[in-house]
């Protein structure tokens, strides 16, 4: 029975050690990629497209899923034009789809930020949309050679649209992203501290069980 008890202690110690290590690693990554301003940022990455617009899902949030008492979630997109002046906008999904109906667009199918990876799918078309900055349905927008868009995430389904200001085909730009989430840095610190505590506890349990075995 004593041998079984010691074995169980070792198993529990290893489990606590693994959980603690995972929490500490996650907390370390979170604190390293954010800062006291609770913002996760990427570097600038090249984005090119032969179509008239690049479209990505901005948010698909159920009503009430972003409680105001918890804080404000903010998405920021900075773009640098290599050729034509750019337009960056966030719009309700239905409005964006109606505006780009019949036009050639590239839709983002997968976007990984760490490490960066972008996969898109082409939708052919012949229509030419009107100039985007003249439309009134945008929830947030910015235009120019280096547009900087800031959008407070709200309930609903939204799309990010990047295109030339004259709606001409062909995009050649560099884009970086930033997401601000309340308490993100504090959550990282908490995970790091809790993970460290569990790791030390797991090591202590294992060593104590081995000493009794010896």
N, C-alpha and C. Protein backbone atom coordinates (compact mmCIF):
# COMPACT_ATOMS: atom_id res chain seq x y z
N UNK A 1 0.82 -1.21 0.00
CA UNK A 1 0.00 0.00 0.00
C UNK A 1 0.86 1.27 0.00
N UNK A 2 1.99 1.21 0.77
CA UNK A 2 2.86 2.37 0.82
C UNK A 2 3.45 2.67 -0.56
N UNK A 3 3.79 1.57 -1.28
CA UNK A 3 4.36 1.76 -2.62
C UNK A 3 3.34 2.40 -3.56
N UNK A 4 2.07 1.95 -3.45
CA UNK A 4 1.02 2.52 -4.29
C UNK A 4 0.81 3.99 -3.95
N UNK A 5 0.82 4.30 -2.64
CA UNK A 5 0.64 5.69 -2.21
C UNK A 5 1.76 6.58 -2.74
N UNK A 6 3.00 6.09 -2.69
CA UNK A 6 4.12 6.88 -3.18
C UNK A 6 4.05 7.06 -4.70
N UNK A 7 3.63 6.00 -5.38
CA UNK A 7 3.48 6.10 -6.84
C UNK A 7 2.44 7.14 -7.22
N UNK A 8 1.32 7.13 -6.47
CA UNK A 8 0.27 8.12 -6.73
C UNK A 8 0.79 9.53 -6.49
N UNK A 9 1.61 9.70 -5.45
CA UNK A 9 2.18 11.02 -5.18
C UNK A 9 3.07 11.49 -6.33
N UNK A 10 3.85 10.56 -6.85
CA UNK A 10 4.71 10.91 -7.98
C UNK A 10 3.87 11.30 -9.19
N UNK A 11 2.81 10.52 -9.45
CA UNK A 11 1.93 10.82 -10.59
C UNK A 11 1.29 12.19 -10.42
N UNK A 12 0.79 12.46 -9.20
CA UNK A 12 0.18 13.76 -8.94
C UNK A 12 1.22 14.87 -9.09
N UNK A 13 2.42 14.64 -8.58
CA UNK A 13 3.48 15.64 -8.70
C UNK A 13 3.83 15.94 -10.14
N UNK A 14 3.92 14.89 -10.96
CA UNK A 14 4.22 15.08 -12.39
C UNK A 14 3.11 15.86 -13.08
N UNK A 15 1.84 15.51 -12.74
CA UNK A 15 0.71 16.21 -13.35
C UNK A 15 0.72 17.69 -12.98
N UNK A 16 0.96 17.98 -11.70
CA UNK A 16 1.02 19.38 -11.26
C UNK A 16 2.19 20.10 -11.93
N UNK A 17 3.31 19.39 -12.07
CA UNK A 17 4.48 19.98 -12.72
C UNK A 17 4.20 20.33 -14.18
N UNK A 18 3.53 19.43 -14.90
CA UNK A 18 3.21 19.67 -16.31
C UNK A 18 2.23 20.84 -16.45
N UNK A 19 1.18 20.83 -15.62
CA UNK A 19 0.20 21.92 -15.68
C UNK A 19 0.86 23.26 -15.35
N UNK A 20 1.69 23.25 -14.32
CA UNK A 20 2.38 24.48 -13.95
C UNK A 20 3.31 24.97 -15.04
N UNK A 21 4.02 24.03 -15.68
CA UNK A 21 4.91 24.42 -16.77
C UNK A 21 4.15 25.03 -17.94
N UNK A 22 3.00 24.44 -18.27
CA UNK A 22 2.19 24.97 -19.38
C UNK A 22 1.66 26.36 -19.05
N UNK A 23 1.17 26.54 -17.82
CA UNK A 23 0.66 27.85 -17.42
C UNK A 23 1.77 28.90 -17.42
N UNK A 24 2.93 28.52 -16.91
CA UNK A 24 4.05 29.46 -16.87
C UNK A 24 4.49 29.84 -18.28
N UNK A 25 4.53 28.84 -19.18
CA UNK A 25 4.93 29.13 -20.56
C UNK A 25 3.93 30.05 -21.24
N UNK A 26 2.63 29.75 -21.05
CA UNK A 26 1.59 30.59 -21.65
C UNK A 26 1.65 32.02 -21.10
N UNK A 27 1.83 32.13 -19.78
CA UNK A 27 1.94 33.45 -19.18
C UNK A 27 3.16 34.21 -19.66
N UNK A 28 4.27 33.48 -19.83
CA UNK A 28 5.48 34.12 -20.33
C UNK A 28 5.32 34.65 -21.74
N UNK A 29 4.69 33.84 -22.61
CA UNK A 29 4.45 34.27 -23.99
C UNK A 29 3.52 35.48 -24.01
N UNK A 30 2.47 35.43 -23.18
CA UNK A 30 1.49 36.51 -23.16
C UNK A 30 2.11 37.82 -22.70
N UNK A 31 2.90 37.77 -21.64
CA UNK A 31 3.53 39.00 -21.14
C UNK A 31 4.61 39.50 -22.10
N UNK A 32 5.26 38.56 -22.82
CA UNK A 32 6.31 38.97 -23.75
C UNK A 32 5.74 39.62 -25.01
N UNK A 33 4.55 39.19 -25.43
CA UNK A 33 3.96 39.72 -26.66
C UNK A 33 3.03 40.90 -26.41
N UNK A 34 2.71 41.17 -25.16
CA UNK A 34 1.89 42.34 -24.83
C UNK A 34 2.73 43.32 -24.03
N UNK A 35 2.09 44.19 -23.35
CA UNK A 35 2.77 45.15 -22.49
C UNK A 35 1.78 45.67 -21.48
N UNK A 36 2.20 46.62 -20.66
CA UNK A 36 1.28 47.18 -19.66
C UNK A 36 0.03 47.81 -20.27
N UNK A 37 0.06 48.10 -21.58
CA UNK A 37 -1.13 48.67 -22.23
C UNK A 37 -2.09 47.59 -22.73
N UNK A 38 -1.81 46.31 -22.41
CA UNK A 38 -2.71 45.19 -22.74
C UNK A 38 -2.89 45.02 -24.25
N UNK A 39 -1.86 45.29 -25.03
CA UNK A 39 -1.97 45.25 -26.49
C UNK A 39 -1.01 44.23 -27.08
N UNK A 40 -1.54 43.37 -27.94
CA UNK A 40 -0.72 42.43 -28.71
C UNK A 40 -0.51 43.03 -30.09
N UNK A 41 0.75 43.08 -30.54
CA UNK A 41 1.08 43.72 -31.82
C UNK A 41 1.87 42.77 -32.71
N UNK A 42 1.75 43.00 -34.00
CA UNK A 42 2.59 42.30 -34.96
C UNK A 42 3.52 43.30 -35.62
N UNK A 43 4.50 42.79 -36.34
CA UNK A 43 5.33 43.64 -37.18
C UNK A 43 4.57 43.90 -38.49
N UNK A 44 5.11 44.76 -39.34
CA UNK A 44 4.53 44.96 -40.66
C UNK A 44 4.80 43.73 -41.52
N UNK A 45 3.76 43.30 -42.26
CA UNK A 45 3.89 42.16 -43.17
C UNK A 45 3.35 42.54 -44.54
N UNK A 46 3.99 42.07 -45.61
CA UNK A 46 3.52 42.41 -46.96
C UNK A 46 2.17 41.77 -47.27
N UNK A 47 1.32 42.54 -47.92
CA UNK A 47 0.01 42.05 -48.37
C UNK A 47 -0.17 42.49 -49.82
N UNK A 48 -0.34 41.54 -50.70
CA UNK A 48 -0.56 41.85 -52.11
C UNK A 48 -1.80 41.12 -52.60
N UNK A 49 -2.46 41.72 -53.59
CA UNK A 49 -3.65 41.11 -54.18
C UNK A 49 -3.82 41.68 -55.58
N UNK A 50 -4.31 40.85 -56.49
CA UNK A 50 -4.57 41.31 -57.85
C UNK A 50 -6.01 41.79 -58.00
N UNK A 51 -6.82 41.55 -56.99
CA UNK A 51 -8.24 41.92 -57.05
C UNK A 51 -8.43 43.37 -56.61
N UNK A 52 -9.69 43.78 -56.51
CA UNK A 52 -10.00 45.16 -56.12
C UNK A 52 -10.02 45.35 -54.60
N UNK A 53 -10.15 44.26 -53.85
CA UNK A 53 -10.23 44.40 -52.39
C UNK A 53 -9.78 43.12 -51.71
N UNK A 54 -9.22 43.29 -50.54
CA UNK A 54 -8.91 42.17 -49.66
C UNK A 54 -9.90 42.24 -48.50
N UNK A 55 -10.59 41.14 -48.25
CA UNK A 55 -11.66 41.12 -47.25
C UNK A 55 -11.34 40.08 -46.19
N UNK A 56 -11.48 40.47 -44.92
CA UNK A 56 -11.21 39.55 -43.82
C UNK A 56 -12.30 39.70 -42.77
N UNK A 57 -12.55 38.63 -42.05
CA UNK A 57 -13.50 38.67 -40.95
C UNK A 57 -12.90 39.50 -39.82
N UNK A 58 -13.62 40.52 -39.39
CA UNK A 58 -13.15 41.36 -38.28
C UNK A 58 -13.64 40.82 -36.96
N UNK A 59 -14.91 40.47 -36.89
CA UNK A 59 -15.47 39.95 -35.64
C UNK A 59 -16.81 39.33 -35.94
N UNK A 60 -17.11 38.31 -35.18
CA UNK A 60 -18.43 37.69 -35.24
C UNK A 60 -18.84 37.46 -33.79
N UNK A 61 -19.39 38.50 -33.18
CA UNK A 61 -19.64 38.51 -31.75
C UNK A 61 -21.14 38.44 -31.49
N UNK A 62 -21.53 37.53 -30.61
CA UNK A 62 -22.94 37.42 -30.24
C UNK A 62 -23.35 38.63 -29.41
N UNK A 63 -24.61 39.06 -29.52
CA UNK A 63 -25.06 40.19 -28.73
C UNK A 63 -24.80 39.98 -27.24
N UNK A 64 -24.20 40.97 -26.61
CA UNK A 64 -23.92 40.90 -25.19
C UNK A 64 -22.63 40.19 -24.85
N UNK A 65 -21.89 39.70 -25.86
CA UNK A 65 -20.67 38.95 -25.58
C UNK A 65 -19.51 39.86 -25.21
N UNK A 66 -19.64 41.15 -25.47
CA UNK A 66 -18.59 42.10 -25.11
C UNK A 66 -19.15 43.06 -24.07
N UNK A 67 -19.14 42.66 -22.79
CA UNK A 67 -19.73 43.51 -21.76
C UNK A 67 -18.94 44.78 -21.56
N UNK A 68 -19.64 45.91 -21.53
CA UNK A 68 -18.96 47.18 -21.37
C UNK A 68 -18.25 47.31 -20.04
N UNK A 69 -18.76 46.62 -19.00
CA UNK A 69 -18.15 46.72 -17.68
C UNK A 69 -16.78 46.07 -17.64
N UNK A 70 -16.52 45.13 -18.55
CA UNK A 70 -15.23 44.45 -18.57
C UNK A 70 -14.15 45.31 -19.21
N UNK A 71 -14.56 46.20 -20.08
CA UNK A 71 -13.60 47.06 -20.77
C UNK A 71 -13.81 47.03 -22.27
N UNK A 72 -13.04 47.82 -22.97
CA UNK A 72 -13.20 47.97 -24.41
C UNK A 72 -12.14 47.17 -25.16
N UNK A 73 -12.60 46.36 -26.11
CA UNK A 73 -11.70 45.63 -27.01
C UNK A 73 -11.46 46.51 -28.23
N UNK A 74 -10.21 46.72 -28.59
CA UNK A 74 -9.88 47.62 -29.69
C UNK A 74 -8.99 46.93 -30.71
N UNK A 75 -9.38 47.03 -31.97
CA UNK A 75 -8.57 46.53 -33.08
C UNK A 75 -7.95 47.71 -33.81
N UNK A 76 -6.66 47.62 -34.07
CA UNK A 76 -5.97 48.67 -34.83
C UNK A 76 -5.26 48.02 -36.01
N UNK A 77 -5.40 48.65 -37.17
CA UNK A 77 -4.73 48.19 -38.39
C UNK A 77 -3.99 49.37 -38.99
N UNK A 78 -2.69 49.22 -39.16
CA UNK A 78 -1.86 50.23 -39.80
C UNK A 78 -1.38 49.68 -41.14
N UNK A 79 -1.49 50.48 -42.18
CA UNK A 79 -1.07 50.05 -43.52
C UNK A 79 -0.10 51.07 -44.11
N UNK A 80 0.81 50.58 -44.93
CA UNK A 80 1.75 51.45 -45.64
C UNK A 80 1.67 51.14 -47.12
N UNK A 81 1.29 52.14 -47.90
CA UNK A 81 1.14 51.94 -49.34
C UNK A 81 2.49 51.94 -50.03
N UNK A 82 2.67 51.02 -50.96
CA UNK A 82 3.87 51.01 -51.79
C UNK A 82 3.63 51.66 -53.15
N UNK A 83 2.36 51.92 -53.46
CA UNK A 83 2.03 52.50 -54.77
C UNK A 83 0.85 53.45 -54.62
N UNK A 84 -0.37 52.92 -54.74
CA UNK A 84 -1.58 53.74 -54.66
C UNK A 84 -1.96 54.05 -53.21
N UNK A 85 -2.59 55.22 -52.97
CA UNK A 85 -3.14 55.49 -51.63
C UNK A 85 -4.16 54.41 -51.25
N UNK A 86 -4.23 54.11 -49.98
CA UNK A 86 -5.03 52.98 -49.52
C UNK A 86 -6.24 53.41 -48.71
N UNK A 87 -7.21 52.52 -48.69
CA UNK A 87 -8.39 52.66 -47.83
C UNK A 87 -8.50 51.41 -46.97
N UNK A 88 -8.71 51.61 -45.68
CA UNK A 88 -8.95 50.51 -44.75
C UNK A 88 -10.24 50.80 -44.01
N UNK A 89 -11.17 49.86 -44.03
CA UNK A 89 -12.44 50.09 -43.37
C UNK A 89 -12.99 48.84 -42.71
N UNK A 90 -13.82 49.06 -41.70
CA UNK A 90 -14.56 47.98 -41.04
C UNK A 90 -16.04 48.27 -41.23
N UNK A 91 -16.78 47.27 -41.70
CA UNK A 91 -18.20 47.46 -41.99
C UNK A 91 -18.98 46.22 -41.59
N UNK A 92 -20.28 46.38 -41.32
CA UNK A 92 -21.12 45.20 -41.11
C UNK A 92 -20.99 44.26 -42.31
N UNK A 93 -20.99 42.97 -42.04
CA UNK A 93 -20.75 41.98 -43.10
C UNK A 93 -21.71 42.16 -44.27
N UNK A 94 -22.99 42.38 -43.99
CA UNK A 94 -23.98 42.50 -45.06
C UNK A 94 -23.70 43.71 -45.93
N UNK A 95 -23.30 44.83 -45.31
CA UNK A 95 -23.02 46.04 -46.08
C UNK A 95 -21.77 45.87 -46.94
N UNK A 96 -20.73 45.25 -46.38
CA UNK A 96 -19.50 45.03 -47.14
C UNK A 96 -19.74 44.10 -48.32
N UNK A 97 -20.51 43.04 -48.10
CA UNK A 97 -20.78 42.09 -49.18
C UNK A 97 -21.62 42.73 -50.28
N UNK A 98 -22.58 43.57 -49.90
CA UNK A 98 -23.40 44.26 -50.90
C UNK A 98 -22.55 45.25 -51.70
N UNK A 99 -21.67 45.96 -51.02
CA UNK A 99 -20.83 46.96 -51.68
C UNK A 99 -19.88 46.31 -52.69
N UNK A 100 -19.35 45.14 -52.35
CA UNK A 100 -18.38 44.46 -53.21
C UNK A 100 -19.01 43.42 -54.13
N UNK A 101 -20.33 43.35 -54.16
CA UNK A 101 -21.01 42.35 -54.97
C UNK A 101 -20.63 42.48 -56.44
N UNK A 102 -20.22 41.38 -57.04
CA UNK A 102 -19.86 41.36 -58.45
C UNK A 102 -18.44 41.79 -58.75
N UNK A 103 -17.69 42.24 -57.74
CA UNK A 103 -16.31 42.69 -57.94
C UNK A 103 -15.34 41.56 -57.61
N UNK A 104 -14.16 41.63 -58.21
CA UNK A 104 -13.12 40.66 -57.90
C UNK A 104 -12.53 40.98 -56.53
N UNK A 105 -12.59 40.02 -55.62
CA UNK A 105 -12.06 40.22 -54.27
C UNK A 105 -11.25 39.00 -53.85
N UNK A 106 -10.40 39.20 -52.88
CA UNK A 106 -9.68 38.11 -52.24
C UNK A 106 -10.12 38.06 -50.79
N UNK A 107 -10.58 36.89 -50.36
CA UNK A 107 -11.09 36.71 -49.01
C UNK A 107 -10.07 35.95 -48.18
N UNK A 108 -9.79 36.46 -47.01
CA UNK A 108 -8.85 35.80 -46.10
C UNK A 108 -9.50 34.55 -45.54
N UNK A 109 -8.88 33.41 -45.78
CA UNK A 109 -9.36 32.14 -45.24
C UNK A 109 -8.67 31.78 -43.94
N UNK A 110 -7.42 32.20 -43.82
CA UNK A 110 -6.67 31.90 -42.60
C UNK A 110 -5.64 33.00 -42.37
N UNK A 111 -5.60 33.46 -41.13
CA UNK A 111 -4.62 34.48 -40.76
C UNK A 111 -4.04 34.11 -39.40
N UNK A 112 -2.78 33.69 -39.41
CA UNK A 112 -2.04 33.41 -38.19
C UNK A 112 -1.07 34.56 -37.96
N UNK A 113 -1.09 35.10 -36.75
CA UNK A 113 -0.23 36.24 -36.46
C UNK A 113 1.11 35.85 -35.87
N UNK A 114 1.18 34.74 -35.15
CA UNK A 114 2.43 34.30 -34.51
C UNK A 114 2.60 32.81 -34.73
N UNK A 115 3.39 32.35 -35.69
CA UNK A 115 4.07 33.14 -36.72
C UNK A 115 3.08 33.58 -37.80
N UNK A 116 3.46 34.60 -38.54
CA UNK A 116 2.55 35.19 -39.51
C UNK A 116 2.33 34.26 -40.70
N UNK A 117 1.07 34.08 -41.05
CA UNK A 117 0.71 33.26 -42.21
C UNK A 117 -0.64 33.73 -42.73
N UNK A 118 -0.70 34.02 -44.02
CA UNK A 118 -1.92 34.52 -44.65
C UNK A 118 -2.31 33.64 -45.82
N UNK A 119 -3.55 33.14 -45.79
CA UNK A 119 -4.09 32.35 -46.89
C UNK A 119 -5.37 33.02 -47.38
N UNK A 120 -5.49 33.17 -48.70
CA UNK A 120 -6.65 33.83 -49.28
C UNK A 120 -7.27 32.97 -50.38
N UNK A 121 -8.50 33.31 -50.72
CA UNK A 121 -9.21 32.66 -51.82
C UNK A 121 -9.75 33.74 -52.75
N UNK A 122 -9.62 33.53 -54.05
CA UNK A 122 -10.05 34.52 -55.04
C UNK A 122 -11.52 34.32 -55.41
N UNK A 123 -12.23 35.44 -55.53
CA UNK A 123 -13.58 35.45 -56.08
C UNK A 123 -13.57 36.35 -57.31
N UNK A 124 -13.73 35.80 -58.50
CA UNK A 124 -13.65 36.62 -59.71
C UNK A 124 -14.86 37.55 -59.84
N UNK A 125 -14.69 38.60 -60.60
CA UNK A 125 -15.79 39.54 -60.84
C UNK A 125 -15.36 40.63 -61.80
N UNK A 126 -16.34 41.35 -62.32
CA UNK A 126 -16.06 42.41 -63.29
C UNK A 126 -16.56 43.78 -62.83
N UNK A 127 -17.34 43.82 -61.76
CA UNK A 127 -17.90 45.10 -61.30
C UNK A 127 -16.81 45.97 -60.68
N UNK A 128 -17.01 47.29 -60.79
CA UNK A 128 -16.09 48.24 -60.15
C UNK A 128 -16.85 48.99 -59.07
N UNK A 129 -16.50 48.78 -57.80
CA UNK A 129 -17.21 49.48 -56.73
C UNK A 129 -16.96 50.99 -56.79
N UNK A 130 -17.87 51.75 -56.19
CA UNK A 130 -17.66 53.18 -56.05
C UNK A 130 -16.52 53.43 -55.07
N UNK A 131 -16.00 54.64 -55.06
CA UNK A 131 -14.89 54.96 -54.16
C UNK A 131 -15.30 54.67 -52.71
N UNK A 132 -14.51 53.92 -51.99
CA UNK A 132 -14.94 53.46 -50.66
C UNK A 132 -15.13 54.58 -49.64
N UNK A 133 -14.30 55.63 -49.68
CA UNK A 133 -14.41 56.66 -48.65
C UNK A 133 -15.68 57.49 -48.78
N UNK A 134 -16.39 57.35 -49.90
CA UNK A 134 -17.64 58.08 -50.09
C UNK A 134 -18.86 57.32 -49.58
N UNK A 135 -18.63 56.10 -49.07
CA UNK A 135 -19.74 55.29 -48.57
C UNK A 135 -19.96 55.60 -47.08
N UNK A 136 -21.21 55.48 -46.66
CA UNK A 136 -21.57 55.89 -45.30
C UNK A 136 -21.75 54.72 -44.32
N UNK A 137 -21.57 53.50 -44.78
CA UNK A 137 -21.87 52.35 -43.92
C UNK A 137 -20.69 51.90 -43.06
N UNK A 138 -19.52 52.50 -43.24
CA UNK A 138 -18.35 52.04 -42.50
C UNK A 138 -18.48 52.34 -41.01
N UNK A 139 -18.17 51.34 -40.18
CA UNK A 139 -18.15 51.56 -38.74
C UNK A 139 -16.90 52.32 -38.33
N UNK A 140 -15.82 52.13 -39.08
CA UNK A 140 -14.57 52.86 -38.88
C UNK A 140 -13.80 52.78 -40.18
N UNK A 141 -13.03 53.82 -40.48
CA UNK A 141 -12.28 53.81 -41.74
C UNK A 141 -11.12 54.79 -41.66
N UNK A 142 -10.16 54.58 -42.55
CA UNK A 142 -9.02 55.49 -42.68
C UNK A 142 -8.49 55.35 -44.10
N UNK A 143 -7.91 56.42 -44.63
CA UNK A 143 -7.39 56.37 -45.99
C UNK A 143 -6.17 57.26 -46.11
N UNK A 144 -5.39 57.02 -47.18
CA UNK A 144 -4.19 57.80 -47.41
C UNK A 144 -3.00 56.90 -47.68
N UNK A 145 -1.80 57.46 -47.76
CA UNK A 145 -0.61 56.65 -48.02
C UNK A 145 -0.24 55.75 -46.84
N UNK A 146 -0.63 56.15 -45.62
CA UNK A 146 -0.34 55.34 -44.42
C UNK A 146 -1.55 55.39 -43.48
N UNK A 147 -2.66 54.79 -43.89
CA UNK A 147 -3.86 54.85 -43.06
C UNK A 147 -3.71 54.08 -41.75
N UNK A 148 -4.30 54.62 -40.69
CA UNK A 148 -4.29 53.99 -39.38
C UNK A 148 -5.73 53.89 -38.89
N UNK A 149 -6.23 52.68 -38.85
CA UNK A 149 -7.62 52.45 -38.46
C UNK A 149 -7.68 51.96 -37.02
N UNK A 150 -8.59 52.53 -36.24
CA UNK A 150 -8.86 52.08 -34.88
C UNK A 150 -10.35 51.83 -34.74
N UNK A 151 -10.70 50.63 -34.30
CA UNK A 151 -12.11 50.25 -34.20
C UNK A 151 -12.38 49.59 -32.86
N UNK A 152 -13.38 50.08 -32.14
CA UNK A 152 -13.81 49.46 -30.89
C UNK A 152 -14.75 48.32 -31.22
N UNK A 153 -14.36 47.10 -30.87
CA UNK A 153 -15.13 45.91 -31.22
C UNK A 153 -16.52 45.98 -30.59
N UNK A 154 -17.54 45.74 -31.41
CA UNK A 154 -18.92 45.78 -30.95
C UNK A 154 -19.64 44.51 -31.39
N UNK A 155 -20.84 44.31 -30.84
CA UNK A 155 -21.62 43.13 -31.18
C UNK A 155 -21.94 43.10 -32.67
N UNK A 156 -21.93 41.91 -33.25
CA UNK A 156 -22.31 41.75 -34.64
C UNK A 156 -21.22 41.10 -35.47
N UNK A 157 -21.50 40.94 -36.75
CA UNK A 157 -20.56 40.33 -37.70
C UNK A 157 -20.02 41.42 -38.61
N UNK A 158 -18.70 41.55 -38.65
CA UNK A 158 -18.07 42.64 -39.38
C UNK A 158 -16.98 42.10 -40.31
N UNK A 159 -16.63 42.94 -41.30
CA UNK A 159 -15.56 42.62 -42.24
C UNK A 159 -14.57 43.78 -42.30
N UNK A 160 -13.29 43.42 -42.40
CA UNK A 160 -12.24 44.40 -42.69
C UNK A 160 -12.02 44.41 -44.20
N UNK A 161 -12.00 45.58 -44.79
CA UNK A 161 -11.81 45.72 -46.23
C UNK A 161 -10.60 46.62 -46.47
N UNK A 162 -9.65 46.13 -47.26
CA UNK A 162 -8.48 46.92 -47.65
C UNK A 162 -8.49 47.02 -49.17
N UNK A 163 -8.40 48.23 -49.68
CA UNK A 163 -8.43 48.44 -51.13
C UNK A 163 -7.79 49.78 -51.47
N UNK A 164 -7.57 50.01 -52.74
CA UNK A 164 -7.08 51.31 -53.18
C UNK A 164 -8.20 52.34 -53.05
N UNK A 165 -7.83 53.59 -52.81
CA UNK A 165 -8.86 54.61 -52.60
C UNK A 165 -9.73 54.84 -53.83
N UNK A 166 -9.20 54.55 -55.03
CA UNK A 166 -9.99 54.72 -56.24
C UNK A 166 -10.66 53.41 -56.68
N UNK A 167 -10.58 52.38 -55.82
CA UNK A 167 -11.20 51.07 -56.08
C UNK A 167 -10.59 50.35 -57.28
N UNK A 168 -9.39 50.74 -57.67
CA UNK A 168 -8.72 50.06 -58.79
C UNK A 168 -8.17 48.71 -58.34
N UNK A 169 -7.99 47.77 -59.27
CA UNK A 169 -7.46 46.45 -58.90
C UNK A 169 -5.97 46.52 -58.60
N UNK A 170 -5.52 45.57 -57.77
CA UNK A 170 -4.10 45.47 -57.46
C UNK A 170 -3.74 46.15 -56.16
N UNK A 171 -3.39 45.35 -55.15
CA UNK A 171 -2.96 45.88 -53.86
C UNK A 171 -1.49 45.55 -53.64
N UNK A 172 -0.76 46.52 -53.14
CA UNK A 172 0.65 46.30 -52.79
C UNK A 172 0.93 47.13 -51.55
N UNK A 173 0.88 46.48 -50.40
CA UNK A 173 0.97 47.22 -49.15
C UNK A 173 1.65 46.38 -48.08
N UNK A 174 1.91 47.01 -46.96
CA UNK A 174 2.39 46.32 -45.76
C UNK A 174 1.42 46.66 -44.64
N UNK A 175 1.07 45.65 -43.85
CA UNK A 175 0.05 45.82 -42.83
C UNK A 175 0.54 45.27 -41.51
N UNK A 176 0.19 45.95 -40.43
CA UNK A 176 0.42 45.38 -39.10
C UNK A 176 -0.87 45.50 -38.29
N UNK A 177 -1.00 44.62 -37.30
CA UNK A 177 -2.22 44.52 -36.53
C UNK A 177 -1.92 44.69 -35.05
N UNK A 178 -2.89 45.21 -34.32
CA UNK A 178 -2.77 45.33 -32.87
C UNK A 178 -4.15 45.10 -32.26
N UNK A 179 -4.19 44.32 -31.20
CA UNK A 179 -5.44 44.04 -30.51
C UNK A 179 -5.26 44.35 -29.03
N UNK A 180 -6.11 45.24 -28.53
CA UNK A 180 -6.08 45.60 -27.12
C UNK A 180 -7.23 44.93 -26.40
N UNK A 181 -6.91 44.16 -25.36
CA UNK A 181 -7.91 43.46 -24.56
C UNK A 181 -7.69 43.80 -23.10
N UNK A 182 -8.74 44.21 -22.39
CA UNK A 182 -8.59 44.57 -20.98
C UNK A 182 -8.00 43.44 -20.16
N UNK A 183 -7.07 43.78 -19.29
CA UNK A 183 -6.46 42.84 -18.33
C UNK A 183 -5.59 41.78 -18.98
N UNK A 184 -5.24 41.94 -20.25
CA UNK A 184 -4.46 40.91 -20.94
C UNK A 184 -3.09 40.73 -20.30
N UNK A 185 -2.41 41.83 -20.01
CA UNK A 185 -1.09 41.75 -19.40
C UNK A 185 -1.17 41.18 -17.99
N UNK A 186 -2.19 41.59 -17.24
CA UNK A 186 -2.36 41.08 -15.88
C UNK A 186 -2.66 39.58 -15.88
N UNK A 187 -3.45 39.13 -16.87
CA UNK A 187 -3.73 37.70 -16.98
C UNK A 187 -2.44 36.93 -17.25
N UNK A 188 -1.59 37.49 -18.11
CA UNK A 188 -0.30 36.86 -18.38
C UNK A 188 0.56 36.76 -17.14
N UNK A 189 0.62 37.85 -16.36
CA UNK A 189 1.40 37.82 -15.12
C UNK A 189 0.83 36.81 -14.13
N UNK A 190 -0.51 36.77 -14.04
CA UNK A 190 -1.14 35.81 -13.13
C UNK A 190 -0.85 34.38 -13.53
N UNK A 191 -0.93 34.09 -14.84
CA UNK A 191 -0.63 32.74 -15.32
C UNK A 191 0.82 32.37 -15.06
N UNK A 192 1.71 33.35 -15.25
CA UNK A 192 3.12 33.10 -15.01
C UNK A 192 3.39 32.80 -13.54
N UNK A 193 2.77 33.57 -12.64
CA UNK A 193 2.97 33.37 -11.21
C UNK A 193 2.36 32.04 -10.75
N UNK A 194 1.12 31.78 -11.19
CA UNK A 194 0.46 30.53 -10.79
C UNK A 194 1.20 29.32 -11.35
N UNK A 195 1.65 29.43 -12.61
CA UNK A 195 2.41 28.34 -13.21
C UNK A 195 3.70 28.07 -12.47
N UNK A 196 4.39 29.14 -12.07
CA UNK A 196 5.62 28.96 -11.30
C UNK A 196 5.37 28.30 -9.97
N UNK A 197 4.28 28.70 -9.30
CA UNK A 197 3.94 28.10 -8.01
C UNK A 197 3.61 26.62 -8.15
N UNK A 198 2.83 26.28 -9.18
CA UNK A 198 2.48 24.87 -9.40
C UNK A 198 3.71 24.05 -9.77
N UNK A 199 4.60 24.64 -10.55
CA UNK A 199 5.82 23.92 -10.93
C UNK A 199 6.67 23.59 -9.71
N UNK A 200 6.85 24.57 -8.84
CA UNK A 200 7.61 24.33 -7.61
C UNK A 200 6.91 23.29 -6.74
N UNK A 201 5.58 23.38 -6.65
CA UNK A 201 4.83 22.41 -5.84
C UNK A 201 4.97 21.00 -6.40
N UNK A 202 4.90 20.88 -7.73
CA UNK A 202 5.05 19.56 -8.35
C UNK A 202 6.41 18.96 -8.08
N UNK A 203 7.46 19.77 -8.20
CA UNK A 203 8.81 19.28 -7.92
C UNK A 203 8.93 18.85 -6.46
N UNK A 204 8.34 19.64 -5.55
CA UNK A 204 8.40 19.31 -4.12
C UNK A 204 7.71 17.97 -3.84
N UNK A 205 6.53 17.75 -4.43
CA UNK A 205 5.80 16.50 -4.21
C UNK A 205 6.60 15.31 -4.74
N UNK A 206 7.21 15.45 -5.91
CA UNK A 206 7.99 14.35 -6.50
C UNK A 206 9.20 14.03 -5.64
N UNK A 207 9.93 15.06 -5.23
CA UNK A 207 11.13 14.84 -4.41
C UNK A 207 10.79 14.22 -3.07
N UNK A 208 9.69 14.65 -2.48
CA UNK A 208 9.29 14.10 -1.18
C UNK A 208 8.91 12.63 -1.31
N UNK A 209 8.20 12.30 -2.39
CA UNK A 209 7.81 10.90 -2.60
C UNK A 209 9.04 10.02 -2.84
N UNK A 210 10.02 10.52 -3.57
CA UNK A 210 11.23 9.74 -3.85
C UNK A 210 12.07 9.56 -2.59
N UNK A 211 12.10 10.57 -1.73
CA UNK A 211 12.85 10.43 -0.48
C UNK A 211 12.26 9.34 0.40
N UNK A 212 10.93 9.30 0.46
CA UNK A 212 10.29 8.28 1.28
C UNK A 212 10.51 6.89 0.70
N UNK A 213 10.61 6.83 -0.63
CA UNK A 213 10.87 5.54 -1.28
C UNK A 213 12.28 5.05 -0.94
N UNK A 214 13.23 6.02 -0.93
CA UNK A 214 14.60 5.66 -0.59
C UNK A 214 14.72 5.29 0.88
